[in-house]
Protein backbone atom coordinates (compact mmCIF):
# COMPACT_ATOMS: atom_id res chain seq x y z
CA MET A 1 -43.77 -20.38 261.16
CA ALA A 2 -41.23 -21.16 258.43
CA HIS A 3 -40.65 -19.32 255.20
CA VAL A 4 -38.42 -20.14 252.25
CA HIS A 5 -37.53 -17.48 249.74
CA GLY A 6 -35.81 -18.39 246.46
CA SER A 7 -33.73 -16.01 244.39
CA GLY A 8 -35.37 -14.94 241.19
CA SER A 9 -32.09 -14.42 239.32
CA VAL A 10 -31.28 -18.14 239.31
CA PRO A 11 -34.61 -19.97 239.42
CA ASP A 12 -34.57 -23.24 241.32
CA GLY A 13 -30.80 -23.15 241.49
CA VAL A 14 -30.32 -23.85 237.77
CA SER A 15 -27.67 -21.74 236.05
CA PRO A 16 -29.03 -19.91 232.98
CA ASP A 17 -25.53 -20.06 231.42
CA GLY A 18 -25.21 -23.86 231.56
CA ARG A 19 -25.72 -24.41 227.82
CA GLY A 20 -23.11 -21.79 226.93
CA HIS A 21 -20.65 -23.29 229.42
CA GLN A 22 -21.16 -26.70 227.86
CA ARG A 23 -20.44 -25.42 224.33
CA ARG A 24 -17.31 -23.58 225.42
CA LEU A 25 -15.95 -26.55 227.34
CA MET A 26 -16.58 -28.93 224.44
CA ALA A 27 -14.81 -26.57 222.02
CA THR A 28 -11.86 -26.29 224.39
CA LEU A 29 -11.75 -30.07 224.81
CA ALA A 30 -11.62 -30.52 221.02
CA LEU A 31 -8.74 -28.04 220.69
CA THR A 32 -6.84 -29.60 223.59
CA GLY A 33 -7.31 -33.09 222.14
CA SER A 34 -5.91 -31.95 218.79
CA VAL A 35 -2.86 -30.41 220.44
CA PHE A 36 -2.33 -33.57 222.51
CA VAL A 37 -2.12 -35.73 219.38
CA ALA A 38 0.24 -33.23 217.73
CA GLU A 39 2.52 -33.09 220.76
CA VAL A 40 2.74 -36.88 221.07
CA VAL A 41 3.78 -37.08 217.40
CA GLY A 42 6.19 -34.21 217.92
CA ALA A 43 7.77 -35.83 220.98
CA ILE A 44 8.34 -39.06 219.05
CA VAL A 45 9.83 -37.25 216.04
CA THR A 46 12.05 -34.80 217.95
CA GLY A 47 12.90 -36.96 220.96
CA SER A 48 11.95 -34.05 223.27
CA LEU A 49 11.26 -35.12 226.82
CA ALA A 50 9.84 -31.66 227.56
CA LEU A 51 7.29 -32.03 224.78
CA LEU A 52 6.39 -35.54 225.92
CA VAL A 53 5.88 -34.38 229.52
CA ASP A 54 3.75 -31.48 228.27
CA ALA A 55 1.68 -33.96 226.25
CA GLY A 56 1.18 -36.06 229.37
CA HIS A 57 0.12 -32.94 231.24
CA MET A 58 -2.29 -32.16 228.44
CA LEU A 59 -3.81 -35.64 228.76
CA THR A 60 -4.50 -34.83 232.42
CA ASP A 61 -6.06 -31.53 231.36
CA MET A 62 -8.29 -33.35 228.88
CA SER A 63 -9.69 -35.49 231.68
CA VAL A 64 -10.38 -32.39 233.79
CA LEU A 65 -12.01 -30.60 230.84
CA ALA A 66 -14.12 -33.67 230.07
CA ALA A 67 -15.26 -33.80 233.71
CA SER A 68 -16.04 -30.07 233.58
CA ALA A 69 -18.10 -30.52 230.41
CA VAL A 70 -20.09 -33.35 232.00
CA THR A 71 -20.59 -31.18 235.08
CA ALA A 72 -21.91 -28.31 232.92
CA VAL A 73 -24.47 -30.69 231.39
CA LEU A 74 -25.60 -32.08 234.76
CA MET A 75 -25.86 -28.62 236.33
CA ARG A 76 -28.58 -27.75 233.81
CA ARG A 77 -30.87 -30.41 235.25
CA ARG A 78 -33.59 -29.06 237.50
CA PRO A 79 -33.88 -29.96 241.19
CA ASN A 80 -36.12 -32.84 242.20
CA GLY A 81 -37.30 -34.64 245.31
CA THR A 82 -33.98 -36.49 245.60
CA ARG A 83 -31.60 -33.64 244.73
CA THR A 84 -33.30 -30.51 246.04
CA TRP A 85 -30.43 -28.31 244.80
CA GLY A 86 -30.07 -30.20 241.53
CA TRP A 87 -26.45 -30.84 240.57
CA SER A 88 -25.22 -27.37 241.54
CA ARG A 89 -22.76 -28.65 244.15
CA LEU A 90 -21.05 -30.80 241.48
CA GLU A 91 -19.23 -27.74 240.11
CA VAL A 92 -17.47 -27.34 243.46
CA ILE A 93 -16.48 -31.03 243.59
CA THR A 94 -15.15 -30.91 240.03
CA ALA A 95 -13.18 -27.74 240.79
CA ALA A 96 -11.65 -29.37 243.88
CA GLU A 97 -10.64 -32.45 241.89
CA GLY A 98 -9.19 -30.32 239.09
CA ALA A 99 -7.23 -28.20 241.57
CA THR A 100 -5.88 -31.34 243.25
CA VAL A 101 -4.71 -32.77 239.93
CA LEU A 102 -3.16 -29.43 238.99
CA LEU A 103 -1.36 -29.31 242.34
CA PHE A 104 0.13 -32.79 241.91
CA VAL A 105 1.21 -31.98 238.34
CA GLY A 106 2.89 -28.80 239.58
CA VAL A 107 4.78 -30.64 242.32
CA TYR A 108 5.80 -33.37 239.87
CA ALA A 109 7.02 -30.78 237.34
CA LEU A 110 9.05 -29.04 240.06
CA VAL A 111 10.69 -32.32 241.13
CA GLU A 112 11.30 -33.31 237.51
CA ALA A 113 12.96 -29.96 236.82
CA GLY A 114 15.29 -30.50 239.78
CA MET A 115 16.17 -34.00 238.59
CA ARG A 116 16.98 -32.76 235.11
CA LEU A 117 19.15 -29.91 236.38
CA PHE A 118 20.97 -31.72 239.17
CA GLY A 119 20.32 -35.42 238.61
CA GLY A 120 21.91 -35.85 235.18
CA ARG A 121 18.62 -36.82 233.49
CA GLY A 122 18.88 -34.43 230.55
CA GLU A 123 18.37 -35.76 227.01
CA ASP A 124 19.32 -34.20 223.70
CA VAL A 125 16.61 -32.94 221.36
CA HIS A 126 16.93 -34.22 217.81
CA ASP A 127 15.55 -31.14 216.07
CA ALA A 128 15.10 -27.88 217.99
CA ARG A 129 13.48 -26.17 214.98
CA LEU A 130 10.80 -28.84 214.75
CA LEU A 131 10.33 -28.60 218.51
CA LEU A 132 9.77 -24.85 218.07
CA CYS A 133 7.07 -25.50 215.46
CA PHE A 134 5.20 -27.88 217.75
CA GLY A 135 5.55 -25.43 220.65
CA ILE A 136 4.07 -22.60 218.57
CA LEU A 137 1.24 -24.89 217.41
CA GLY A 138 0.40 -25.79 221.00
CA LEU A 139 0.58 -22.16 222.14
CA ALA A 140 -1.76 -21.02 219.35
CA ALA A 141 -4.32 -23.71 220.22
CA ASN A 142 -4.11 -22.91 223.94
CA CYS A 143 -4.57 -19.19 223.28
CA GLY A 144 -7.66 -20.05 221.24
CA SER A 145 -9.02 -22.13 224.14
CA MET A 146 -8.32 -19.29 226.57
CA LEU A 147 -10.29 -16.89 224.36
CA VAL A 148 -13.20 -19.35 224.31
CA LEU A 149 -13.29 -19.64 228.11
CA ALA A 150 -12.13 -16.15 229.16
CA SER A 151 -15.53 -14.43 229.23
CA ASN A 152 -17.04 -17.09 231.53
CA ARG A 153 -14.09 -17.98 233.74
CA GLU A 154 -15.54 -16.19 236.78
CA ASP A 155 -19.06 -17.64 236.42
CA ASN A 156 -18.37 -20.58 238.73
CA MET A 157 -15.59 -22.77 240.11
CA ASN A 158 -16.04 -25.35 237.38
CA MET A 159 -15.31 -22.79 234.63
CA LYS A 160 -12.47 -21.29 236.66
CA ALA A 161 -10.81 -24.71 237.04
CA ALA A 162 -11.12 -25.34 233.29
CA PHE A 163 -9.64 -21.92 232.50
CA LEU A 164 -6.71 -22.52 234.86
CA GLU A 165 -6.01 -25.85 233.17
CA VAL A 166 -5.87 -24.17 229.76
CA LEU A 167 -3.78 -21.29 231.12
CA ASN A 168 -1.32 -23.79 232.57
CA ASP A 169 -1.17 -25.54 229.18
CA ALA A 170 -0.37 -22.20 227.55
CA LEU A 171 2.46 -21.62 230.02
CA GLY A 172 3.80 -25.09 229.22
CA SER A 173 3.74 -24.25 225.50
CA VAL A 174 5.60 -21.00 226.21
CA ALA A 175 8.26 -23.04 228.04
CA VAL A 176 8.61 -25.35 225.04
CA VAL A 177 8.93 -22.39 222.65
CA VAL A 178 11.48 -20.54 224.78
CA SER A 179 13.46 -23.72 225.40
CA ALA A 180 13.60 -24.43 221.67
CA VAL A 181 14.78 -20.88 220.94
CA VAL A 182 17.47 -21.04 223.64
CA MET A 183 18.67 -24.45 222.40
CA MET A 184 18.84 -23.12 218.84
CA ALA A 185 20.82 -20.07 220.00
CA THR A 186 23.16 -21.61 222.58
CA GLY A 187 22.88 -25.39 222.37
CA TRP A 188 22.22 -25.49 226.15
CA SER A 189 19.35 -27.82 227.04
CA GLY A 190 19.28 -26.97 230.76
CA PHE A 191 17.04 -23.95 230.20
CA ASP A 192 14.15 -26.30 229.44
CA ALA A 193 14.25 -27.64 233.01
CA MET A 194 14.58 -24.13 234.47
CA ALA A 195 11.55 -22.92 232.53
CA GLY A 196 9.55 -25.97 233.61
CA GLY A 197 10.42 -25.36 237.26
CA LEU A 198 9.40 -21.69 237.03
CA ILE A 199 6.04 -22.61 235.51
CA ALA A 200 5.49 -25.16 238.29
CA LEU A 201 6.14 -22.45 240.89
CA LEU A 202 3.52 -20.25 239.20
CA MET A 203 1.06 -23.12 238.89
CA ILE A 204 1.06 -24.38 242.49
CA PRO A 205 -0.28 -21.21 244.23
CA ARG A 206 -3.20 -20.96 241.76
CA ALA A 207 -4.12 -24.58 242.39
CA VAL A 208 -3.94 -24.08 246.16
CA ARG A 209 -6.19 -20.99 246.03
CA LEU A 210 -8.82 -22.81 243.98
CA LEU A 211 -8.64 -25.84 246.29
CA VAL A 212 -9.11 -23.60 249.35
CA SER A 213 -12.11 -21.88 247.74
CA ALA A 214 -13.73 -25.22 246.94
CA GLY A 215 -12.96 -26.49 250.45
CA ARG A 216 -14.73 -23.49 252.02
CA VAL A 217 -17.91 -24.40 250.12
CA LEU A 218 -17.68 -28.13 250.83
CA LEU A 219 -17.14 -27.44 254.55
CA GLU A 220 -20.17 -25.11 254.44
CA GLU A 221 -18.24 -22.16 255.82
CA THR A 222 -19.87 -18.74 256.04
CA PRO A 223 -19.64 -16.96 252.66
CA GLU A 224 -16.54 -14.78 252.52
CA GLY A 225 -17.38 -11.15 253.31
CA LEU A 226 -20.45 -11.95 255.42
CA ASP A 227 -20.27 -11.15 259.16
CA LEU A 228 -22.90 -13.25 260.96
CA ASP A 229 -22.64 -11.16 264.14
CA GLU A 230 -23.53 -8.09 262.10
CA VAL A 231 -26.34 -10.03 260.39
CA ARG A 232 -27.75 -11.02 263.80
CA ARG A 233 -27.63 -7.43 265.07
CA HIS A 234 -29.33 -6.20 261.91
CA LEU A 235 -32.11 -8.79 262.08
CA GLU A 236 -32.70 -8.14 265.77
CA GLY A 237 -33.32 -4.49 264.88
CA VAL A 238 -36.42 -5.41 262.88
CA PRO A 239 -39.65 -4.47 264.74
CA HIS A 240 -41.22 -7.33 266.75
CA VAL A 241 -37.98 -9.38 266.63
CA VAL A 242 -36.77 -10.25 270.14
CA ALA A 243 -33.76 -12.44 269.34
CA VAL A 244 -32.13 -14.47 266.58
CA HIS A 245 -30.44 -17.82 267.24
CA ASP A 246 -29.39 -20.99 265.41
CA LEU A 247 -28.07 -18.74 262.64
CA HIS A 248 -26.28 -20.51 259.77
CA ALA A 249 -25.00 -19.32 256.39
CA SER A 250 -23.24 -21.29 253.68
CA THR A 251 -22.88 -21.56 249.90
CA VAL A 252 -24.42 -24.29 247.76
CA ALA A 253 -22.47 -23.30 244.64
CA THR A 254 -21.09 -20.18 243.01
CA GLY A 255 -23.60 -17.36 243.35
CA MET A 256 -25.95 -19.39 245.59
CA PRO A 257 -25.47 -18.30 249.23
CA ILE A 258 -28.15 -19.47 251.68
CA LEU A 259 -29.06 -18.51 255.26
CA THR A 260 -31.24 -20.12 257.93
CA ALA A 261 -32.24 -18.80 261.35
CA HIS A 262 -34.65 -19.20 264.24
CA VAL A 263 -36.25 -15.83 264.97
CA VAL A 264 -37.95 -15.14 268.32
CA VAL A 265 -40.78 -12.60 267.94
CA ASP A 266 -43.18 -10.87 270.33
CA ARG A 267 -45.62 -13.27 271.97
CA ASP A 268 -48.70 -11.41 270.67
CA VAL A 269 -47.50 -10.83 267.08
CA THR A 270 -50.24 -11.24 264.46
CA MET A 271 -49.97 -13.15 261.18
CA ARG A 272 -49.90 -9.88 259.24
CA GLN A 273 -47.09 -8.56 261.44
CA ALA A 274 -45.24 -11.86 261.05
CA GLY A 275 -45.44 -11.46 257.27
CA ASP A 276 -44.00 -7.94 257.56
CA VAL A 277 -41.16 -9.29 259.73
CA LEU A 278 -40.27 -11.92 257.12
CA GLU A 279 -40.36 -9.39 254.29
CA ARG A 280 -38.13 -6.90 256.11
CA MET A 281 -35.59 -9.58 257.05
CA GLN A 282 -35.43 -10.87 253.47
CA ASP A 283 -35.01 -7.34 252.07
CA CYS A 284 -32.26 -6.63 254.55
CA LEU A 285 -30.26 -9.75 253.60
CA ARG A 286 -30.58 -9.04 249.89
CA GLU A 287 -29.73 -5.35 250.01
CA HIS A 288 -27.71 -4.37 253.10
CA PHE A 289 -24.76 -6.76 253.08
CA PRO A 290 -21.77 -7.33 250.75
CA VAL A 291 -23.08 -10.86 250.04
CA SER A 292 -26.63 -10.65 248.71
CA ILE A 293 -28.57 -13.66 250.02
CA GLY A 294 -31.65 -14.38 247.97
CA HIS A 295 -32.48 -17.78 249.49
CA THR A 296 -33.42 -17.64 253.18
CA THR A 297 -35.26 -19.92 255.59
CA PHE A 298 -36.62 -18.36 258.78
CA GLN A 299 -38.42 -20.16 261.59
CA LEU A 300 -40.50 -17.69 263.60
CA GLU A 301 -40.97 -18.59 267.26
CA PRO A 302 -43.20 -16.69 269.73
CA GLU A 303 -41.40 -15.42 272.82
CA GLY A 304 -41.29 -18.15 275.46
CA TYR A 305 -41.56 -20.94 272.87
CA ASP A 306 -40.01 -24.24 273.94
CA SER A 307 -39.67 -27.65 272.31
CA PRO A 308 -38.03 -31.03 273.08
CA SER A 309 -35.20 -30.12 270.68
CA ALA A 310 -34.51 -26.71 272.22
CA GLU A 311 -31.39 -27.93 274.03
CA GLN A 312 -29.84 -28.94 270.69
CA LEU A 313 -30.11 -25.45 269.22
CA HIS A 314 -26.95 -23.46 268.74
CA ALA A 315 -26.61 -20.35 270.84
């Protein structure tokens, strides 16, 4: 006997916040695009390499934000016979791609900072005051984008990746502002490279953490905080349950943990008793563990049951 139980909080795996995510991402993309154009103009006018590199970084962020916005649209589509989970897994793929891009940008910025400090690649800025104006403009726009995304940044990996991109942009704008101020006060342009290297060091760990989180989902690892040995012991304590095997747990997308298991029950269990067993196991997985699992699939097997595929089952 098999039973599938879907979570009522997220019907059919479709996020109820998808439309709001889409609006926020589109607004952030518009702000980021405006800042990108301003920074390119500013880099040409001032001759600032730091501003030009930040504009290039912002172009990368625009591509990630655009991908995140498309993902938010697709995730609103309902599951069908071809995609039984809909497009929910796409948020994890987008987050992994965004984290990878962010990681490469961070490594590049770190290497570039070293080259500027020790490789003699520094260039003079034509107008530090104008550079300061463009830096403040970029920082203001990035702060606005952060406010737009802040309330939803923990909703899923897609929104978290977008927020990290904007946060990194804001740090880049801070570096431009501080560098301009230091150059105006001391005339020393080396601080720009130091600030860029520091931001890269702050950026890389965040990208790695997001990449690891996405990798855990893509590799279908057990949801963090869920002990399957404890789950097995708990399920085997349900009346009429003899043993639990072929137990698997994974995550489809943020907030969508799933669990499957083969459950051996007493040989003479009735259909009514089997229904009670299923209900108690579902209640236990929703209420008694740190990770609440609303979507479960149990295969009930009478004691002594055997099949041609039994040797392939996991112990």
